[in-house]
Amino acid sequence: MSDPWLTIIGIGEDGLAGLSEASRKALAKAETVFGGERHLALAEIGSRGRPWPVPFDANVVLSCRGRPTVVLASGDPFWHGAGASLAEKLGSDEWIAHPAPSTFSLAAARLGWRLESTICLGLHAAPFERLVPHLARGARIICLVRDGKAASDLATWLTERGWGSSTFWTLAALGGPNESAGEYRAESYTRAPDGNLIVVALEAEGGQGLPRSSGLPDDLFAHDGQITKRPVRALALSALAPRPGERLWDIGAGSGSISVEWALCGGTAIAVEAREDRAGNIQKNAAAFGLTHRIRVVTGKSPEALATLDAPDAVFIGGGLDNATFDAIWSRLSPAARLVAHSVTLETEALLGELHERHGGELTRVEISHAAPLGRYRSWEAARPVVQWSVVR
């Protein structure tokens, strides 16, 4: 880092006045300065400025490799900015960064919120459903949105889902001379302020957030009846032991309910489903829970569909396991990976018994009954028994 050719600078609405001496020196030395048109204007760059291509392409910066170059980004370049996209392509001695306060920091400072307990999301290039896992009464959330229309659309989205009584702030041009802020209720918000850099902050009220325990209600999922039912799903997730950052193979995924609950715990899932209509339901459920970035749907049959998948940390097979599929899975599991398989048929139950004898683990049989009408009275209505085999590689 003795003489990096690239300097990544965070710039705020106060322009040059808010930059450090090191940032000013790098700007003065640079042959080329990349940034959004607003950034280039704030820094008064002139003819050396090159606006970002749309869509964003970090490779245009790499074309200047070895020559003094600056990249301008809003606030902290490593929080929903271009910083990480560039650093991933460069050696550590090629770049240096001078961040400014992030938009989230500025918004929290205006509202008096503890930033460490505030949820910060970039919704300028993501669906509003990304909010779903975070919405809970009293939750404080700061969102970056694309423009004033997106702020209005977000207020409508919240209202339609029962969160209309949430306090709803819009903040624009934070940290500059044209800064503005307004406080509303989501259900009554109709304004669409001008400008492209809009921040929405909300204090969630009125609705009910998702439960944090395993086994979400079945009616939250789109399905055709092929779904791991709530109590059995809770049993499966307990054995799968999801952890943030881990990858699940959900084989014969049906509605994808196991994948959804796994992803809500911070992991990623690959849902493998042979039927296209059910794969469509998985896509709908991933979108409804704001998890399309965490759940990948593969339409195909096992074991063929597994050949090109990245190795898993855990595997769930909801039914129909056979020797060929087991062999394909077992050979791909690394030490400490978990496998959980369910069966409701005698044939698969017999296979699970054999596998338990060979590989150990836990073999459990679960019978669940629900109260149901029986004439003028009630009686127990039994579901099919489920056999679960869980094992650690």
Protein backbone atom coordinates (compact mmCIF):
# COMPACT_ATOMS: atom_id res chain seq x y z
CA MET A 1 0.00 0.00 0.00
CA SER A 2 3.06 2.25 -0.30
CA ASP A 3 1.93 3.63 -3.66
CA PRO A 4 -1.55 2.37 -4.64
CA TRP A 5 -2.78 3.46 -8.05
CA LEU A 6 -6.47 3.48 -7.02
CA THR A 7 -8.07 5.60 -4.31
CA ILE A 8 -11.68 4.93 -3.32
CA ILE A 9 -13.22 8.04 -1.80
CA GLY A 10 -16.52 8.43 -0.01
CA ILE A 11 -18.11 11.79 -0.69
CA GLY A 12 -21.13 13.37 0.95
CA GLU A 13 -23.61 16.06 -0.01
CA ASP A 14 -21.20 18.69 1.37
CA GLY A 15 -18.84 17.92 -1.52
CA LEU A 16 -15.20 19.01 -1.32
CA ALA A 17 -15.73 20.71 2.04
CA GLY A 18 -16.27 17.37 3.72
CA LEU A 19 -13.25 15.57 2.27
CA SER A 20 -10.06 14.84 4.20
CA GLU A 21 -6.70 16.24 3.13
CA ALA A 22 -5.68 12.77 1.88
CA SER A 23 -8.80 12.58 -0.29
CA ARG A 24 -8.14 16.03 -1.74
CA LYS A 25 -4.55 15.11 -2.59
CA ALA A 26 -5.66 11.93 -4.34
CA LEU A 27 -8.24 13.88 -6.37
CA ALA A 28 -5.64 16.45 -7.39
CA LYS A 29 -3.22 13.73 -8.50
CA ALA A 30 -5.72 11.53 -10.37
CA GLU A 31 -5.66 11.33 -14.14
CA THR A 32 -9.16 9.78 -14.19
CA VAL A 33 -12.01 10.06 -11.69
CA PHE A 34 -14.95 7.66 -11.86
CA GLY A 35 -18.29 8.25 -10.17
CA GLY A 36 -21.94 9.00 -10.62
CA GLU A 37 -22.73 12.30 -12.30
CA ARG A 38 -23.81 13.70 -8.92
CA HIS A 39 -20.52 12.67 -7.31
CA LEU A 40 -18.45 14.20 -10.10
CA ALA A 41 -20.38 17.46 -9.80
CA LEU A 42 -19.96 17.56 -6.01
CA ALA A 43 -16.19 17.09 -6.39
CA GLU A 44 -15.96 19.68 -9.21
CA ILE A 45 -13.91 17.28 -11.33
CA GLY A 46 -14.41 18.68 -14.81
CA SER A 47 -12.95 16.95 -17.86
CA ARG A 48 -11.14 14.23 -15.87
CA GLY A 49 -14.46 12.77 -14.76
CA ARG A 50 -15.94 9.59 -16.23
CA PRO A 51 -19.54 8.70 -15.24
CA TRP A 52 -20.19 5.08 -14.32
CA PRO A 53 -21.54 2.91 -17.12
CA VAL A 54 -25.08 1.61 -16.67
CA PRO A 55 -25.20 -1.17 -15.61
CA PHE A 56 -22.25 -0.78 -13.27
CA ASP A 57 -19.05 -2.45 -14.49
CA ALA A 58 -15.96 -2.49 -12.29
CA ASN A 59 -13.80 -3.51 -15.26
CA VAL A 60 -13.78 0.05 -16.61
CA VAL A 61 -11.70 1.01 -13.57
CA LEU A 62 -9.29 -1.86 -14.17
CA SER A 63 -8.57 -0.47 -17.63
CA CYS A 64 -6.71 2.36 -15.83
CA ARG A 65 -4.54 -0.03 -13.83
CA GLY A 66 -1.19 1.47 -12.90
CA ARG A 67 -2.28 5.07 -13.50
CA PRO A 68 -3.43 7.44 -10.70
CA THR A 69 -7.19 6.87 -10.50
CA VAL A 70 -9.98 7.82 -8.11
CA VAL A 71 -13.40 6.28 -7.61
CA LEU A 72 -16.07 8.41 -5.93
CA ALA A 73 -18.96 6.79 -4.05
CA SER A 74 -21.64 8.00 -1.67
CA GLY A 75 -20.58 8.02 1.98
CA ASP A 76 -19.01 4.70 2.95
CA PRO A 77 -18.00 2.90 -0.29
CA PHE A 78 -18.08 -0.47 1.50
CA TRP A 79 -21.72 -0.26 2.62
CA HIS A 80 -23.94 -0.83 -0.44
CA GLY A 81 -21.27 0.90 -2.50
CA ALA A 82 -18.68 0.06 -5.16
CA GLY A 83 -15.82 -0.52 -2.72
CA ALA A 84 -16.06 -4.27 -2.23
CA SER A 85 -16.79 -4.94 -5.92
CA LEU A 86 -13.48 -3.26 -6.77
CA ALA A 87 -11.40 -4.63 -3.88
CA GLU A 88 -12.36 -8.21 -4.81
CA LYS A 89 -10.64 -7.73 -8.18
CA LEU A 90 -7.47 -6.07 -6.86
CA GLY A 91 -4.42 -6.88 -4.78
CA SER A 92 -4.26 -5.31 -1.33
CA ASP A 93 -1.32 -3.08 -2.45
CA GLU A 94 -3.28 -1.59 -5.36
CA TRP A 95 -5.89 0.45 -3.55
CA ILE A 96 -6.60 2.63 -0.54
CA ALA A 97 -9.94 3.93 0.74
CA HIS A 98 -11.04 7.11 2.50
CA PRO A 99 -14.66 6.55 3.58
CA ALA A 100 -17.07 9.26 4.71
CA PRO A 101 -20.05 8.80 7.07
CA SER A 102 -22.52 6.40 5.46
CA THR A 103 -26.07 7.42 4.61
CA PHE A 104 -27.20 5.07 7.38
CA SER A 105 -24.98 6.88 9.89
CA LEU A 106 -26.30 10.26 8.81
CA ALA A 107 -29.92 9.10 9.00
CA ALA A 108 -29.44 7.58 12.46
CA ALA A 109 -27.78 10.79 13.62
CA ARG A 110 -30.76 12.88 12.41
CA LEU A 111 -33.26 10.56 14.12
CA GLY A 112 -31.28 9.91 17.31
CA TRP A 113 -31.34 6.13 16.76
CA ARG A 114 -28.78 3.62 18.00
CA LEU A 115 -27.25 2.44 14.75
CA GLU A 116 -26.10 -0.88 16.26
CA SER A 117 -29.72 -1.87 16.93
CA THR A 118 -31.15 -0.47 13.68
CA ILE A 119 -31.72 -2.68 10.63
CA CYS A 120 -30.06 -1.17 7.54
CA LEU A 121 -31.15 -2.34 4.08
CA GLY A 122 -30.37 -1.35 0.52
CA LEU A 123 -33.67 -1.50 -1.38
CA HIS A 124 -32.58 0.65 -4.32
CA ALA A 125 -31.89 -2.53 -6.30
CA ALA A 126 -33.86 -5.14 -4.33
CA PRO A 127 -37.56 -5.98 -3.84
CA PHE A 128 -39.47 -4.62 -0.85
CA GLU A 129 -39.99 -8.22 0.28
CA ARG A 130 -36.44 -8.10 1.70
CA LEU A 131 -38.15 -6.34 4.62
CA VAL A 132 -40.34 -9.35 5.47
CA PRO A 133 -37.88 -11.16 7.79
CA HIS A 134 -37.18 -7.91 9.65
CA LEU A 135 -40.66 -6.47 10.20
CA ALA A 136 -41.66 -6.69 13.85
CA ARG A 137 -43.42 -4.32 16.18
CA GLY A 138 -41.05 -1.61 17.29
CA ALA A 139 -38.35 -2.52 14.76
CA ARG A 140 -36.38 0.46 13.49
CA ILE A 141 -35.33 0.12 9.87
CA ILE A 142 -33.41 2.46 7.56
CA CYS A 143 -33.75 1.74 3.83
CA LEU A 144 -32.01 3.18 0.80
CA VAL A 145 -34.55 3.51 -2.02
CA ARG A 146 -34.13 4.60 -5.61
CA ASP A 147 -36.21 7.79 -5.68
CA GLY A 148 -39.31 9.56 -4.42
CA LYS A 149 -41.68 7.26 -6.30
CA ALA A 150 -40.05 4.23 -4.68
CA ALA A 151 -40.60 5.82 -1.26
CA SER A 152 -44.30 6.24 -2.07
CA ASP A 153 -44.51 2.66 -3.38
CA LEU A 154 -42.90 1.39 -0.18
CA ALA A 155 -45.47 3.22 1.96
CA THR A 156 -48.24 1.55 -0.06
CA TRP A 157 -46.57 -1.86 0.22
CA LEU A 158 -46.34 -1.53 4.01
CA THR A 159 -49.97 -0.41 4.30
CA GLU A 160 -51.26 -3.32 2.22
CA ARG A 161 -49.51 -5.75 4.59
CA GLY A 162 -50.88 -4.29 7.81
CA TRP A 163 -48.02 -1.95 8.69
CA GLY A 164 -49.78 1.28 7.72
CA SER A 165 -49.58 2.76 11.23
CA SER A 166 -45.77 2.65 11.11
CA THR A 167 -44.02 5.99 11.54
CA PHE A 168 -42.45 6.76 8.18
CA TRP A 169 -39.65 9.28 7.61
CA THR A 170 -38.22 10.42 4.29
CA LEU A 171 -34.78 12.02 4.28
CA ALA A 172 -32.96 13.47 1.30
CA ALA A 173 -29.58 15.10 0.58
CA LEU A 174 -28.34 14.25 4.09
CA GLY A 175 -25.30 16.19 5.23
CA GLY A 176 -25.60 18.89 2.59
CA PRO A 177 -27.09 22.37 2.32
CA ASN A 178 -30.29 21.06 0.71
CA GLU A 179 -31.00 18.43 3.34
CA SER A 180 -34.68 17.72 3.97
CA ALA A 181 -36.65 15.41 6.24
CA GLY A 182 -40.34 14.67 6.79
CA GLU A 183 -42.27 12.51 9.27
CA TYR A 184 -45.51 10.74 8.28
CA ARG A 185 -47.56 7.59 8.75
CA ALA A 186 -47.06 4.99 6.06
CA GLU A 187 -50.83 4.77 5.44
CA SER A 188 -51.15 8.52 4.84
CA TYR A 189 -47.92 9.15 2.95
CA THR A 190 -48.60 10.49 -0.55
CA ARG A 191 -45.68 12.78 -1.25
CA ALA A 192 -42.94 11.84 -3.68
CA PRO A 193 -40.00 14.19 -3.06
CA ASP A 194 -37.70 15.08 -5.90
CA GLY A 195 -34.18 13.75 -6.17
CA ASN A 196 -32.60 10.35 -6.64
CA LEU A 197 -31.03 9.80 -3.23
CA ILE A 198 -33.91 9.05 -0.88
CA VAL A 199 -33.68 7.42 2.52
CA VAL A 200 -36.73 5.94 4.21
CA ALA A 201 -36.69 5.23 7.92
CA LEU A 202 -39.55 3.48 9.64
CA GLU A 203 -40.57 2.40 13.09
CA ALA A 204 -42.75 -0.63 12.47
CA GLU A 205 -46.21 -0.72 14.07
CA GLY A 206 -49.53 -2.40 13.45
CA GLY A 207 -48.65 -5.70 11.84
CA GLN A 208 -47.37 -9.03 13.07
CA GLY A 209 -43.87 -10.14 12.21
CA LEU A 210 -42.77 -13.66 11.41
CA PRO A 211 -42.34 -15.98 14.40
CA ARG A 212 -38.70 -16.77 15.12
CA SER A 213 -39.26 -20.40 16.07
CA SER A 214 -39.08 -23.31 13.62
CA GLY A 215 -42.35 -24.49 12.12
CA LEU A 216 -44.12 -21.54 10.48
CA PRO A 217 -47.87 -21.94 9.80
CA ASP A 218 -48.57 -23.96 6.65
CA ASP A 219 -50.91 -21.30 5.25
CA LEU A 220 -48.00 -18.88 4.84
CA PHE A 221 -46.75 -21.03 1.95
CA ALA A 222 -48.03 -21.56 -1.59
CA HIS A 223 -48.38 -25.32 -2.06
CA ASP A 224 -50.48 -28.04 -3.68
CA GLY A 225 -50.59 -30.23 -0.59
CA GLN A 226 -47.00 -31.37 -1.04
CA ILE A 227 -45.53 -29.61 1.99
CA THR A 228 -43.68 -30.76 5.07
CA LYS A 229 -46.34 -29.99 7.66
CA ARG A 230 -45.64 -27.58 10.48
CA PRO A 231 -44.82 -29.97 13.38
CA VAL A 232 -42.81 -32.32 11.16
CA ARG A 233 -40.99 -29.33 9.65
CA ALA A 234 -40.03 -28.15 13.13
CA LEU A 235 -38.69 -31.63 13.85
CA ALA A 236 -36.67 -31.61 10.61
CA LEU A 237 -35.20 -28.15 11.19
CA SER A 238 -34.19 -29.08 14.73
CA ALA A 239 -32.18 -32.00 13.33
CA LEU A 240 -30.77 -29.96 10.43
CA ALA A 241 -29.46 -27.36 12.93
CA PRO A 242 -29.26 -24.36 10.53
CA ARG A 243 -26.45 -21.88 11.02
CA PRO A 244 -25.76 -18.54 9.26
CA GLY A 245 -23.73 -18.91 6.07
CA GLU A 246 -24.32 -22.64 5.60
CA ARG A 247 -25.73 -24.27 2.46
CA LEU A 248 -28.67 -26.71 2.40
CA TRP A 249 -29.69 -29.18 -0.27
CA ASP A 250 -33.48 -29.54 -0.03
CA ILE A 251 -34.17 -32.60 -2.19
CA GLY A 252 -37.73 -33.20 -3.37
CA ALA A 253 -38.44 -29.73 -2.03
CA GLY A 254 -42.19 -29.63 -2.78
CA SER A 255 -43.24 -26.15 -1.62
CA GLY A 256 -39.74 -25.21 -0.44
CA SER A 257 -40.92 -24.63 3.14
CA ILE A 258 -37.78 -26.25 4.57
CA SER A 259 -35.60 -24.06 2.32
CA VAL A 260 -37.47 -20.93 3.41
CA GLU A 261 -37.06 -21.59 7.12
CA TRP A 262 -33.42 -22.55 6.64
CA ALA A 263 -32.75 -19.30 4.75
CA LEU A 264 -34.56 -17.27 7.42
CA CYS A 265 -31.85 -18.51 9.78
CA GLY A 266 -29.19 -16.86 7.60
CA GLY A 267 -28.14 -19.72 5.33
CA THR A 268 -28.58 -20.41 1.63
CA ALA A 269 -30.56 -23.26 0.09
CA ILE A 270 -30.65 -25.17 -3.17
CA ALA A 271 -34.17 -26.55 -3.59
CA VAL A 272 -34.25 -29.53 -5.98
CA GLU A 273 -37.71 -30.39 -7.33
CA ALA A 274 -38.63 -32.62 -10.26
CA ARG A 275 -42.02 -31.05 -11.04
CA GLU A 276 -42.06 -27.64 -12.72
CA ASP A 277 -45.34 -26.55 -11.11
CA ARG A 278 -43.93 -27.22 -7.65
CA ALA A 279 -40.68 -25.50 -8.57
CA GLY A 280 -42.87 -22.51 -9.42
CA ASN A 281 -44.38 -22.62 -5.93
CA ILE A 282 -40.89 -22.63 -4.43
CA GLN A 283 -40.05 -19.50 -6.44
CA LYS A 284 -43.25 -17.82 -5.21
CA ASN A 285 -42.47 -18.66 -1.60
CA ALA A 286 -38.88 -17.46 -1.87
CA ALA A 287 -40.14 -14.15 -3.30
CA ALA A 288 -42.90 -13.76 -0.69
CA PHE A 289 -40.40 -14.11 2.16
CA GLY A 290 -37.81 -11.84 0.50
CA LEU A 291 -35.38 -14.74 0.05
CA THR A 292 -34.79 -15.00 -3.71
CA HIS A 293 -31.15 -14.06 -3.09
CA ARG A 294 -30.78 -17.00 -0.68
CA ILE A 295 -32.78 -19.77 -2.35
CA ARG A 296 -31.85 -21.28 -5.71
CA VAL A 297 -34.37 -23.57 -7.38
CA VAL A 298 -33.15 -26.48 -9.51
CA THR A 299 -35.75 -28.33 -11.56
CA GLY A 300 -34.65 -31.92 -12.03
CA LYS A 301 -34.59 -35.43 -10.60
CA SER A 302 -32.15 -36.83 -8.10
CA PRO A 303 -29.46 -38.03 -8.25
CA GLU A 304 -28.75 -36.54 -11.71
CA ALA A 305 -29.63 -33.00 -10.65
CA LEU A 306 -27.10 -33.10 -7.81
CA ALA A 307 -23.99 -33.65 -9.90
CA THR A 308 -23.10 -29.99 -10.53
CA LEU A 309 -24.26 -28.49 -7.23
CA ASP A 310 -21.85 -26.94 -4.75
CA ALA A 311 -21.29 -29.26 -1.78
CA PRO A 312 -23.76 -28.81 1.10
CA ASP A 313 -23.39 -28.34 4.84
CA ALA A 314 -26.71 -30.10 5.36
CA VAL A 315 -29.16 -32.17 3.31
CA PHE A 316 -32.88 -32.73 3.74
CA ILE A 317 -34.75 -35.46 1.86
CA GLY A 318 -38.48 -35.19 2.43
CA GLY A 319 -39.32 -38.61 1.02
CA GLY A 320 -38.58 -41.10 -1.73
CA LEU A 321 -34.95 -41.73 -0.84
CA ASP A 322 -33.30 -44.62 -2.71
CA ASN A 323 -29.84 -46.15 -2.71
CA ALA A 324 -28.63 -44.27 -5.81
CA THR A 325 -29.62 -40.90 -4.37
CA PHE A 326 -28.12 -41.72 -0.99
CA ASP A 327 -24.81 -42.78 -2.55
CA ALA A 328 -24.67 -39.58 -4.63
CA ILE A 329 -25.28 -37.47 -1.52
CA TRP A 330 -23.08 -39.35 0.94
CA SER A 331 -20.05 -39.17 -1.33
CA ARG A 332 -20.37 -35.35 -1.48
CA LEU A 333 -20.70 -34.72 2.25
CA SER A 334 -17.74 -33.30 4.11
CA PRO A 335 -17.01 -34.17 7.76
CA ALA A 336 -19.58 -32.61 10.15
CA ALA A 337 -22.20 -32.22 7.40
CA ARG A 338 -25.71 -33.25 8.47
CA LEU A 339 -28.21 -35.42 6.61
CA VAL A 340 -31.88 -35.68 7.59
CA ALA A 341 -34.28 -37.99 5.73
CA HIS A 342 -38.00 -38.56 6.26
CA SER A 343 -40.15 -41.47 5.22
CA VAL A 344 -43.87 -42.28 5.27
CA THR A 345 -43.65 -45.49 3.21
CA LEU A 346 -42.62 -48.94 4.40
CA GLU A 347 -40.10 -49.28 1.59
CA THR A 348 -38.20 -46.07 2.43
CA GLU A 349 -38.55 -46.82 6.14
CA ALA A 350 -36.78 -50.14 5.57
CA LEU A 351 -33.96 -48.33 3.73
CA LEU A 352 -33.59 -45.82 6.56
CA GLY A 353 -33.33 -48.73 8.99
CA GLU A 354 -30.50 -50.25 6.95
CA LEU A 355 -28.69 -46.91 6.66
CA HIS A 356 -29.01 -46.34 10.39
CA GLU A 357 -27.47 -49.74 11.04
CA ARG A 358 -24.55 -49.01 8.68
CA HIS A 359 -23.85 -45.34 9.48
CA GLY A 360 -25.34 -44.69 12.91
CA GLY A 361 -27.13 -41.49 13.74
CA GLU A 362 -30.63 -41.27 15.22
CA LEU A 363 -33.72 -43.10 13.98
CA THR A 364 -37.02 -41.72 15.25
CA ARG A 365 -40.66 -42.59 14.54
CA VAL A 366 -43.20 -39.82 15.12
CA GLU A 367 -46.98 -40.16 15.19
CA ILE A 368 -49.11 -37.01 15.34
CA SER A 369 -52.87 -36.76 15.76
CA HIS A 370 -55.15 -33.74 15.60
CA ALA A 371 -58.55 -33.27 17.20
CA ALA A 372 -61.33 -33.44 14.58
CA PRO A 373 -65.16 -33.64 14.63
CA LEU A 374 -66.73 -37.06 15.00
CA GLY A 375 -70.48 -36.62 14.81
CA ARG A 376 -71.51 -34.51 17.80
CA TYR A 377 -68.18 -35.16 19.47
CA ARG A 378 -64.46 -34.93 18.77
CA SER A 379 -61.87 -37.59 18.22
CA TRP A 380 -58.24 -37.93 17.32
CA GLU A 381 -57.45 -38.02 13.60
CA ALA A 382 -54.05 -39.54 12.99
CA ALA A 383 -51.62 -38.41 10.32
CA ARG A 384 -49.33 -40.91 8.66
CA PRO A 385 -46.41 -41.83 10.93
CA VAL A 386 -43.11 -40.23 9.90
CA VAL A 387 -39.76 -41.95 10.32
CA GLN A 388 -36.78 -39.61 10.58
CA TRP A 389 -33.16 -40.60 10.21
CA SER A 390 -30.59 -37.94 11.07
CA VAL A 391 -26.85 -38.45 10.91
CA VAL A 392 -23.63 -36.41 10.95
CA ARG A 393 -21.04 -37.46 8.35
